Amino acid sequence: QPRPFDLDLTARHDEQLAIGRVRHGDALALELIFLAFRDELLSVGERVAGSREVGEEVLQEVFLAIWRGRAGWHVASSLRSYLRRAVQRGASRARGSRTRGVLGGASLEVAEGFGGMVFADSAPTPEDDVVYDELRSALDEATSVMSPRARDVFVLRSAEDLSNREIA
């Protein structure tokens, strides 16, 4: 078996291996995941929450919730996408509840119990697939009439999730 520091978290097989190790209580594997994505996730949390401190708090809580719920942790999409969504959701909630803290006044245990829903990564339903296909077709059609420069900016903003400043 490869050692945790030999894992390439951009490879799906290695992602699943690291996730499996976390599920079985390997704290080093979770630390490896944290270190691999920390800067990117902190940037997402800071941008969405509007504060570096809140972004850090959200990131910490996401990984704490993963650790506490590790036995049932399941990631159907890419690990990067899963973590980005979890941080975006947490930061969005934190932004909306600044006076009550990141968890919106709930204790960590309550938030953790809710965490299965907050950080859920369920597979899409057939209805979701149909809607996705329709949206994808409409998006492809709309981007096909854009100038190449406008299309590049659109992709960087929507798919790469870069800020306008980063794109410029």
N, C-alpha and C. Protein backbone atom coordinates (compact mmCIF):
# COMPACT_ATOMS: atom_id res chain seq x y z
N GLN A 1 0.83 -1.20 0.00
CA GLN A 1 0.00 0.00 0.00
C GLN A 1 0.87 1.24 0.00
N PRO A 2 0.46 2.28 -0.79
CA PRO A 2 1.27 3.50 -0.80
C PRO A 2 1.13 4.24 0.53
N ARG A 3 2.21 4.91 0.92
CA ARG A 3 2.16 5.74 2.12
C ARG A 3 1.35 6.98 1.79
N PRO A 4 0.72 7.64 2.80
CA PRO A 4 -0.11 8.81 2.53
C PRO A 4 0.60 9.89 1.74
N PHE A 5 1.90 10.09 1.97
CA PHE A 5 2.58 11.16 1.26
C PHE A 5 2.89 10.80 -0.19
N ASP A 6 2.63 9.55 -0.59
CA ASP A 6 2.80 9.14 -1.98
C ASP A 6 1.51 9.33 -2.79
N LEU A 7 0.45 9.76 -2.15
CA LEU A 7 -0.84 9.88 -2.83
C LEU A 7 -0.87 11.13 -3.71
N ASP A 8 -1.52 11.00 -4.86
CA ASP A 8 -1.75 12.11 -5.76
C ASP A 8 -3.25 12.40 -5.71
N LEU A 9 -3.64 13.44 -4.98
CA LEU A 9 -5.06 13.69 -4.77
C LEU A 9 -5.76 14.27 -5.99
N THR A 10 -5.06 14.39 -7.11
CA THR A 10 -5.72 14.76 -8.35
C THR A 10 -6.15 13.51 -9.12
N ALA A 11 -5.71 12.35 -8.67
CA ALA A 11 -6.07 11.09 -9.30
C ALA A 11 -7.25 10.47 -8.53
N ARG A 12 -8.29 10.11 -9.23
CA ARG A 12 -9.51 9.59 -8.60
C ARG A 12 -9.23 8.38 -7.70
N HIS A 13 -8.39 7.46 -8.14
CA HIS A 13 -8.08 6.28 -7.34
C HIS A 13 -7.44 6.68 -6.02
N ASP A 14 -6.48 7.61 -6.07
CA ASP A 14 -5.81 8.05 -4.84
C ASP A 14 -6.76 8.83 -3.93
N GLU A 15 -7.67 9.61 -4.54
CA GLU A 15 -8.69 10.30 -3.74
C GLU A 15 -9.48 9.29 -2.94
N GLN A 16 -9.96 8.26 -3.62
CA GLN A 16 -10.78 7.26 -2.95
C GLN A 16 -9.99 6.49 -1.90
N LEU A 17 -8.72 6.26 -2.17
CA LEU A 17 -7.87 5.60 -1.19
C LEU A 17 -7.74 6.46 0.07
N ALA A 18 -7.49 7.76 -0.12
CA ALA A 18 -7.37 8.68 1.02
C ALA A 18 -8.70 8.77 1.78
N ILE A 19 -9.81 8.84 1.07
CA ILE A 19 -11.13 8.90 1.71
C ILE A 19 -11.37 7.63 2.52
N GLY A 20 -11.03 6.48 1.94
CA GLY A 20 -11.18 5.21 2.66
C GLY A 20 -10.35 5.16 3.92
N ARG A 21 -9.13 5.71 3.84
CA ARG A 21 -8.27 5.73 5.03
C ARG A 21 -8.88 6.62 6.12
N VAL A 22 -9.44 7.75 5.71
CA VAL A 22 -10.09 8.62 6.69
C VAL A 22 -11.26 7.89 7.33
N ARG A 23 -12.06 7.23 6.50
CA ARG A 23 -13.22 6.48 7.03
C ARG A 23 -12.80 5.46 8.07
N HIS A 24 -11.60 4.93 7.94
CA HIS A 24 -11.11 3.93 8.88
C HIS A 24 -10.28 4.54 10.01
N GLY A 25 -10.35 5.87 10.16
CA GLY A 25 -9.73 6.51 11.30
C GLY A 25 -8.30 6.98 11.13
N ASP A 26 -7.82 7.10 9.89
CA ASP A 26 -6.45 7.53 9.64
C ASP A 26 -6.40 9.07 9.62
N ALA A 27 -5.99 9.64 10.76
CA ALA A 27 -5.93 11.10 10.88
C ALA A 27 -4.88 11.69 9.94
N LEU A 28 -3.81 10.95 9.67
CA LEU A 28 -2.78 11.43 8.76
C LEU A 28 -3.34 11.61 7.34
N ALA A 29 -4.22 10.74 6.93
CA ALA A 29 -4.84 10.87 5.60
C ALA A 29 -5.69 12.14 5.53
N LEU A 30 -6.43 12.43 6.61
CA LEU A 30 -7.23 13.65 6.62
C LEU A 30 -6.31 14.88 6.62
N GLU A 31 -5.22 14.80 7.33
CA GLU A 31 -4.27 15.91 7.33
C GLU A 31 -3.68 16.11 5.93
N LEU A 32 -3.39 15.03 5.25
CA LEU A 32 -2.88 15.12 3.88
C LEU A 32 -3.90 15.82 2.98
N ILE A 33 -5.15 15.44 3.10
CA ILE A 33 -6.21 16.07 2.31
C ILE A 33 -6.29 17.56 2.66
N PHE A 34 -6.27 17.86 3.95
CA PHE A 34 -6.33 19.25 4.40
C PHE A 34 -5.18 20.05 3.80
N LEU A 35 -3.96 19.54 3.90
CA LEU A 35 -2.80 20.26 3.40
C LEU A 35 -2.84 20.43 1.88
N ALA A 36 -3.36 19.43 1.19
CA ALA A 36 -3.42 19.49 -0.27
C ALA A 36 -4.38 20.57 -0.77
N PHE A 37 -5.48 20.80 -0.03
CA PHE A 37 -6.52 21.72 -0.49
C PHE A 37 -6.65 22.99 0.35
N ARG A 38 -5.87 23.12 1.41
CA ARG A 38 -6.04 24.22 2.37
C ARG A 38 -6.06 25.59 1.70
N ASP A 39 -5.06 25.93 0.92
CA ASP A 39 -4.98 27.27 0.35
C ASP A 39 -6.16 27.58 -0.56
N GLU A 40 -6.50 26.63 -1.40
CA GLU A 40 -7.63 26.83 -2.32
C GLU A 40 -8.94 26.98 -1.55
N LEU A 41 -9.15 26.13 -0.55
CA LEU A 41 -10.39 26.18 0.22
C LEU A 41 -10.46 27.43 1.09
N LEU A 42 -9.35 27.84 1.63
CA LEU A 42 -9.32 29.07 2.43
C LEU A 42 -9.67 30.27 1.56
N SER A 43 -9.17 30.28 0.34
CA SER A 43 -9.49 31.35 -0.60
C SER A 43 -10.99 31.38 -0.89
N VAL A 44 -11.58 30.21 -1.09
CA VAL A 44 -13.03 30.12 -1.34
C VAL A 44 -13.79 30.62 -0.12
N GLY A 45 -13.43 30.14 1.06
CA GLY A 45 -14.12 30.53 2.28
C GLY A 45 -14.02 32.02 2.54
N GLU A 46 -12.84 32.57 2.34
CA GLU A 46 -12.63 34.00 2.55
C GLU A 46 -13.46 34.83 1.57
N ARG A 47 -13.46 34.41 0.31
CA ARG A 47 -14.20 35.16 -0.71
C ARG A 47 -15.70 35.13 -0.44
N VAL A 48 -16.22 33.97 -0.09
CA VAL A 48 -17.67 33.84 0.13
C VAL A 48 -18.09 34.50 1.44
N ALA A 49 -17.32 34.29 2.50
CA ALA A 49 -17.68 34.83 3.81
C ALA A 49 -17.33 36.31 3.94
N GLY A 50 -16.37 36.77 3.15
CA GLY A 50 -15.97 38.17 3.21
C GLY A 50 -14.95 38.45 4.30
N SER A 51 -14.38 37.41 4.89
CA SER A 51 -13.43 37.58 5.97
C SER A 51 -12.50 36.38 6.03
N ARG A 52 -11.21 36.64 6.16
CA ARG A 52 -10.25 35.54 6.25
C ARG A 52 -10.49 34.73 7.53
N GLU A 53 -10.77 35.42 8.63
CA GLU A 53 -10.97 34.73 9.90
C GLU A 53 -12.17 33.79 9.82
N VAL A 54 -13.26 34.25 9.23
CA VAL A 54 -14.45 33.40 9.11
C VAL A 54 -14.16 32.27 8.14
N GLY A 55 -13.43 32.55 7.06
CA GLY A 55 -13.04 31.50 6.12
C GLY A 55 -12.23 30.41 6.81
N GLU A 56 -11.30 30.81 7.68
CA GLU A 56 -10.51 29.84 8.44
C GLU A 56 -11.39 29.01 9.36
N GLU A 57 -12.33 29.67 10.01
CA GLU A 57 -13.24 28.98 10.92
C GLU A 57 -14.10 27.96 10.17
N VAL A 58 -14.60 28.37 9.02
CA VAL A 58 -15.41 27.47 8.20
C VAL A 58 -14.59 26.26 7.77
N LEU A 59 -13.39 26.50 7.30
CA LEU A 59 -12.52 25.41 6.85
C LEU A 59 -12.27 24.43 7.99
N GLN A 60 -11.99 24.95 9.17
CA GLN A 60 -11.76 24.10 10.33
C GLN A 60 -13.01 23.28 10.65
N GLU A 61 -14.16 23.90 10.60
CA GLU A 61 -15.40 23.20 10.92
C GLU A 61 -15.76 22.14 9.88
N VAL A 62 -15.47 22.41 8.62
CA VAL A 62 -15.72 21.42 7.58
C VAL A 62 -14.89 20.17 7.85
N PHE A 63 -13.61 20.35 8.13
CA PHE A 63 -12.76 19.19 8.38
C PHE A 63 -13.08 18.50 9.70
N LEU A 64 -13.51 19.26 10.68
CA LEU A 64 -13.93 18.66 11.94
C LEU A 64 -15.19 17.81 11.73
N ALA A 65 -16.12 18.34 10.95
CA ALA A 65 -17.34 17.58 10.66
C ALA A 65 -17.02 16.31 9.87
N ILE A 66 -16.08 16.40 8.93
CA ILE A 66 -15.67 15.21 8.18
C ILE A 66 -15.09 14.18 9.15
N TRP A 67 -14.19 14.62 10.03
CA TRP A 67 -13.56 13.69 10.96
C TRP A 67 -14.59 13.03 11.86
N ARG A 68 -15.48 13.83 12.41
CA ARG A 68 -16.47 13.28 13.34
C ARG A 68 -17.46 12.35 12.64
N GLY A 69 -17.73 12.59 11.37
CA GLY A 69 -18.65 11.74 10.62
C GLY A 69 -17.93 10.80 9.67
N ARG A 70 -16.65 10.55 9.92
CA ARG A 70 -15.79 9.83 8.99
C ARG A 70 -16.29 8.44 8.62
N ALA A 71 -16.91 7.75 9.56
CA ALA A 71 -17.34 6.37 9.28
C ALA A 71 -18.34 6.32 8.12
N GLY A 72 -19.15 7.34 7.97
CA GLY A 72 -20.14 7.36 6.90
C GLY A 72 -19.81 8.32 5.79
N TRP A 73 -18.58 8.83 5.78
CA TRP A 73 -18.18 9.83 4.78
C TRP A 73 -18.13 9.21 3.40
N HIS A 74 -18.85 9.82 2.46
CA HIS A 74 -18.92 9.32 1.09
C HIS A 74 -18.79 10.51 0.14
N VAL A 75 -17.95 10.39 -0.84
CA VAL A 75 -17.75 11.45 -1.83
C VAL A 75 -18.00 10.84 -3.20
N ALA A 76 -19.10 11.23 -3.83
CA ALA A 76 -19.45 10.68 -5.14
C ALA A 76 -18.78 11.44 -6.28
N SER A 77 -18.52 12.73 -6.07
CA SER A 77 -17.87 13.53 -7.10
C SER A 77 -16.38 13.59 -6.80
N SER A 78 -15.69 14.53 -7.41
CA SER A 78 -14.27 14.68 -7.08
C SER A 78 -14.14 15.24 -5.67
N LEU A 79 -13.06 14.90 -5.01
CA LEU A 79 -12.81 15.38 -3.66
C LEU A 79 -12.73 16.90 -3.65
N ARG A 80 -12.05 17.47 -4.62
CA ARG A 80 -11.93 18.94 -4.71
C ARG A 80 -13.31 19.59 -4.80
N SER A 81 -14.17 19.08 -5.66
CA SER A 81 -15.52 19.65 -5.79
C SER A 81 -16.30 19.51 -4.50
N TYR A 82 -16.22 18.35 -3.89
CA TYR A 82 -16.93 18.10 -2.63
C TYR A 82 -16.50 19.11 -1.56
N LEU A 83 -15.18 19.28 -1.40
CA LEU A 83 -14.67 20.19 -0.38
C LEU A 83 -15.01 21.64 -0.69
N ARG A 84 -14.91 22.02 -1.95
CA ARG A 84 -15.26 23.40 -2.33
C ARG A 84 -16.72 23.69 -2.03
N ARG A 85 -17.61 22.74 -2.35
CA ARG A 85 -19.03 22.94 -2.07
C ARG A 85 -19.28 23.05 -0.57
N ALA A 86 -18.63 22.20 0.21
CA ALA A 86 -18.82 22.23 1.66
C ALA A 86 -18.36 23.57 2.23
N VAL A 87 -17.23 24.06 1.78
CA VAL A 87 -16.72 25.35 2.27
C VAL A 87 -17.61 26.49 1.78
N GLN A 88 -18.04 26.44 0.53
CA GLN A 88 -18.92 27.49 0.00
C GLN A 88 -20.22 27.55 0.81
N ARG A 89 -20.81 26.40 1.08
CA ARG A 89 -22.05 26.38 1.86
C ARG A 89 -21.84 26.88 3.27
N GLY A 90 -20.78 26.42 3.91
CA GLY A 90 -20.50 26.87 5.27
C GLY A 90 -20.22 28.37 5.33
N ALA A 91 -19.45 28.87 4.38
CA ALA A 91 -19.12 30.30 4.35
C ALA A 91 -20.35 31.14 4.04
N SER A 92 -21.20 30.64 3.17
CA SER A 92 -22.43 31.35 2.84
C SER A 92 -23.33 31.45 4.07
N ARG A 93 -23.46 30.35 4.81
CA ARG A 93 -24.24 30.37 6.04
C ARG A 93 -23.62 31.31 7.08
N ALA A 94 -22.29 31.29 7.15
CA ALA A 94 -21.59 32.14 8.12
C ALA A 94 -21.79 33.62 7.78
N ARG A 95 -21.76 33.93 6.51
CA ARG A 95 -21.96 35.31 6.07
C ARG A 95 -23.34 35.79 6.46
N GLY A 96 -24.32 34.89 6.37
CA GLY A 96 -25.69 35.25 6.70
C GLY A 96 -25.98 35.27 8.18
N SER A 97 -25.04 34.80 9.01
CA SER A 97 -25.29 34.73 10.45
C SER A 97 -24.09 35.22 11.24
N ARG A 98 -23.52 36.33 10.81
CA ARG A 98 -22.31 36.86 11.46
C ARG A 98 -22.48 37.05 12.96
N THR A 99 -23.64 37.47 13.40
CA THR A 99 -23.82 37.76 14.82
C THR A 99 -23.91 36.49 15.65
N ARG A 100 -24.19 35.37 15.02
CA ARG A 100 -24.34 34.12 15.77
C ARG A 100 -23.19 33.16 15.53
N GLY A 101 -22.18 33.56 14.80
CA GLY A 101 -21.05 32.69 14.55
C GLY A 101 -21.27 31.82 13.33
N VAL A 102 -20.26 31.06 12.99
CA VAL A 102 -20.29 30.24 11.77
C VAL A 102 -21.41 29.23 11.79
N LEU A 103 -21.71 28.68 12.96
CA LEU A 103 -22.75 27.65 13.03
C LEU A 103 -24.13 28.22 13.24
N GLY A 104 -24.26 29.53 13.17
CA GLY A 104 -25.57 30.14 13.30
C GLY A 104 -26.19 29.94 14.67
N GLY A 105 -25.38 29.88 15.72
CA GLY A 105 -25.89 29.74 17.06
C GLY A 105 -26.07 28.31 17.51
N ALA A 106 -25.90 27.34 16.63
CA ALA A 106 -26.05 25.93 17.00
C ALA A 106 -24.76 25.42 17.61
N SER A 107 -24.87 24.48 18.49
CA SER A 107 -23.67 23.87 19.04
C SER A 107 -23.04 23.00 17.95
N LEU A 108 -21.77 22.68 18.12
CA LEU A 108 -21.09 21.86 17.12
C LEU A 108 -21.76 20.50 17.00
N GLU A 109 -22.22 19.95 18.11
CA GLU A 109 -22.87 18.64 18.06
C GLU A 109 -24.16 18.71 17.24
N VAL A 110 -24.92 19.79 17.42
CA VAL A 110 -26.15 19.94 16.65
C VAL A 110 -25.81 20.12 15.18
N ALA A 111 -24.82 20.97 14.90
CA ALA A 111 -24.42 21.20 13.52
C ALA A 111 -23.89 19.92 12.90
N GLU A 112 -23.16 19.14 13.68
CA GLU A 112 -22.62 17.89 13.17
C GLU A 112 -23.75 16.93 12.83
N GLY A 113 -24.78 16.87 13.68
CA GLY A 113 -25.92 16.01 13.40
C GLY A 113 -26.61 16.43 12.12
N PHE A 114 -26.58 17.73 11.86
CA PHE A 114 -27.15 18.27 10.64
C PHE A 114 -26.17 18.15 9.50
N GLY A 115 -24.88 17.89 9.85
CA GLY A 115 -23.80 17.88 8.88
C GLY A 115 -23.99 16.91 7.74
N GLY A 116 -24.66 15.79 7.98
CA GLY A 116 -24.89 14.85 6.89
C GLY A 116 -25.67 15.49 5.77
N MET A 117 -26.56 16.40 6.14
CA MET A 117 -27.32 17.10 5.11
C MET A 117 -26.52 18.28 4.56
N VAL A 118 -25.81 18.98 5.43
CA VAL A 118 -25.07 20.15 5.00
C VAL A 118 -23.99 19.78 3.99
N PHE A 119 -23.28 18.69 4.26
CA PHE A 119 -22.18 18.31 3.41
C PHE A 119 -22.51 17.09 2.56
N ALA A 120 -23.77 16.82 2.38
CA ALA A 120 -24.17 15.65 1.62
C ALA A 120 -23.63 15.71 0.20
N ASP A 121 -23.30 14.58 -0.32
CA ASP A 121 -22.78 14.50 -1.68
C ASP A 121 -23.50 13.33 -2.35
N SER A 122 -24.80 13.45 -2.47
CA SER A 122 -25.58 12.35 -3.00
C SER A 122 -25.48 12.32 -4.53
N ALA A 123 -25.65 11.16 -5.06
CA ALA A 123 -25.63 10.99 -6.52
C ALA A 123 -26.87 11.67 -7.11
N PRO A 124 -26.75 12.21 -8.31
CA PRO A 124 -27.89 12.87 -8.94
C PRO A 124 -29.00 11.87 -9.29
N THR A 125 -30.22 12.36 -9.21
CA THR A 125 -31.37 11.54 -9.60
C THR A 125 -31.51 11.61 -11.12
N PRO A 126 -32.32 10.73 -11.71
CA PRO A 126 -32.56 10.83 -13.16
C PRO A 126 -33.14 12.18 -13.56
N GLU A 127 -33.98 12.75 -12.70
CA GLU A 127 -34.55 14.07 -12.98
C GLU A 127 -33.45 15.13 -13.00
N ASP A 128 -32.50 15.01 -12.05
CA ASP A 128 -31.36 15.93 -12.02
C ASP A 128 -30.56 15.83 -13.31
N ASP A 129 -30.39 14.61 -13.80
CA ASP A 129 -29.64 14.40 -15.04
C ASP A 129 -30.31 15.09 -16.22
N VAL A 130 -31.63 15.00 -16.29
CA VAL A 130 -32.38 15.63 -17.38
C VAL A 130 -32.22 17.14 -17.31
N VAL A 131 -32.41 17.71 -16.13
CA VAL A 131 -32.27 19.15 -15.95
C VAL A 131 -30.85 19.59 -16.28
N TYR A 132 -29.87 18.82 -15.82
CA TYR A 132 -28.47 19.14 -16.10
C TYR A 132 -28.23 19.14 -17.62
N ASP A 133 -28.72 18.12 -18.31
CA ASP A 133 -28.52 18.04 -19.77
C ASP A 133 -29.15 19.23 -20.48
N GLU A 134 -30.36 19.62 -20.04
CA GLU A 134 -31.03 20.77 -20.65
C GLU A 134 -30.25 22.06 -20.40
N LEU A 135 -29.78 22.23 -19.16
CA LEU A 135 -28.99 23.42 -18.84
C LEU A 135 -27.66 23.43 -19.60
N ARG A 136 -27.03 22.28 -19.70
CA ARG A 136 -25.76 22.17 -20.41
C ARG A 136 -25.95 22.54 -21.88
N SER A 137 -27.03 22.07 -22.50
CA SER A 137 -27.30 22.40 -23.89
C SER A 137 -27.53 23.90 -24.07
N ALA A 138 -28.32 24.48 -23.18
CA ALA A 138 -28.59 25.92 -23.25
C ALA A 138 -27.31 26.72 -23.05
N LEU A 139 -26.49 26.27 -22.12
CA LEU A 139 -25.22 26.95 -21.86
C LEU A 139 -24.27 26.83 -23.04
N ASP A 140 -24.18 25.65 -23.62
CA ASP A 140 -23.33 25.46 -24.81
C ASP A 140 -23.79 26.35 -25.95
N GLU A 141 -25.10 26.45 -26.13
CA GLU A 141 -25.65 27.28 -27.20
C GLU A 141 -25.32 28.75 -26.94
N ALA A 142 -25.48 29.19 -25.70
CA ALA A 142 -25.20 30.60 -25.36
C ALA A 142 -23.72 30.92 -25.51
N THR A 143 -22.86 30.03 -25.07
CA THR A 143 -21.42 30.32 -25.16
C THR A 143 -20.91 30.23 -26.60
N SER A 144 -21.62 29.51 -27.45
CA SER A 144 -21.16 29.38 -28.83
C SER A 144 -21.28 30.70 -29.59
N VAL A 145 -22.13 31.60 -29.16
CA VAL A 145 -22.28 32.88 -29.85
C VAL A 145 -21.44 33.99 -29.21
N MET A 146 -20.74 33.67 -28.13
CA MET A 146 -19.87 34.66 -27.48
C MET A 146 -18.57 34.80 -28.26
N SER A 147 -17.96 35.97 -28.11
CA SER A 147 -16.62 36.14 -28.67
C SER A 147 -15.66 35.23 -27.89
N PRO A 148 -14.55 34.85 -28.48
CA PRO A 148 -13.60 33.99 -27.76
C PRO A 148 -13.17 34.58 -26.41
N ARG A 149 -12.93 35.88 -26.38
CA ARG A 149 -12.49 36.53 -25.12
C ARG A 149 -13.60 36.46 -24.07
N ALA A 150 -14.83 36.77 -24.48
CA ALA A 150 -15.95 36.72 -23.54
C ALA A 150 -16.16 35.30 -23.03
N ARG A 151 -16.01 34.33 -23.92
CA ARG A 151 -16.15 32.92 -23.53
C ARG A 151 -15.08 32.54 -22.51
N ASP A 152 -13.84 32.97 -22.75
CA ASP A 152 -12.75 32.68 -21.81
C ASP A 152 -13.04 33.28 -20.44
N VAL A 153 -13.51 34.51 -20.41
CA VAL A 153 -13.83 35.16 -19.13
C VAL A 153 -14.97 34.42 -18.45
N PHE A 154 -15.97 34.05 -19.20
CA PHE A 154 -17.11 33.32 -18.64
C PHE A 154 -16.67 32.01 -18.02
N VAL A 155 -15.82 31.27 -18.71
CA VAL A 155 -15.34 29.99 -18.19
C VAL A 155 -14.51 30.19 -16.93
N LEU A 156 -13.64 31.18 -16.94
CA LEU A 156 -12.81 31.43 -15.76
C LEU A 156 -13.67 31.82 -14.56
N ARG A 157 -14.72 32.58 -14.81
CA ARG A 157 -15.58 33.05 -13.72
C ARG A 157 -16.50 31.93 -13.21
N SER A 158 -17.11 31.20 -14.12
CA SER A 158 -18.11 30.20 -13.70
C SER A 158 -17.51 28.84 -13.40
N ALA A 159 -16.68 28.33 -14.29
CA ALA A 159 -16.15 26.98 -14.10
C ALA A 159 -14.95 26.96 -13.17
N GLU A 160 -14.07 27.95 -13.29
CA GLU A 160 -12.87 27.98 -12.46
C GLU A 160 -13.11 28.74 -11.17
N ASP A 161 -14.25 29.43 -11.07
CA ASP A 161 -14.65 30.14 -9.86
C ASP A 161 -13.64 31.22 -9.45
N LEU A 162 -13.06 31.89 -10.45
CA LEU A 162 -12.12 32.96 -10.17
C LEU A 162 -12.87 34.28 -9.99
N SER A 163 -12.33 35.16 -9.18
CA SER A 163 -12.94 36.47 -8.99
C SER A 163 -12.61 37.33 -10.22
N ASN A 164 -13.33 38.45 -10.35
CA ASN A 164 -13.05 39.35 -11.46
C ASN A 164 -11.62 39.86 -11.39
N ARG A 165 -11.14 40.14 -10.20
CA ARG A 165 -9.77 40.62 -10.01
C ARG A 165 -8.78 39.55 -10.48
N GLU A 166 -9.04 38.28 -10.13
CA GLU A 166 -8.14 37.21 -10.55
C GLU A 166 -8.14 37.03 -12.06
N ILE A 167 -9.28 37.22 -12.69
CA ILE A 167 -9.38 37.09 -14.14
C ILE A 167 -8.62 38.21 -14.84
N ALA A 168 -8.75 39.41 -14.31
CA ALA A 168 -8.07 40.57 -14.92
C ALA A 168 -6.57 40.35 -14.83
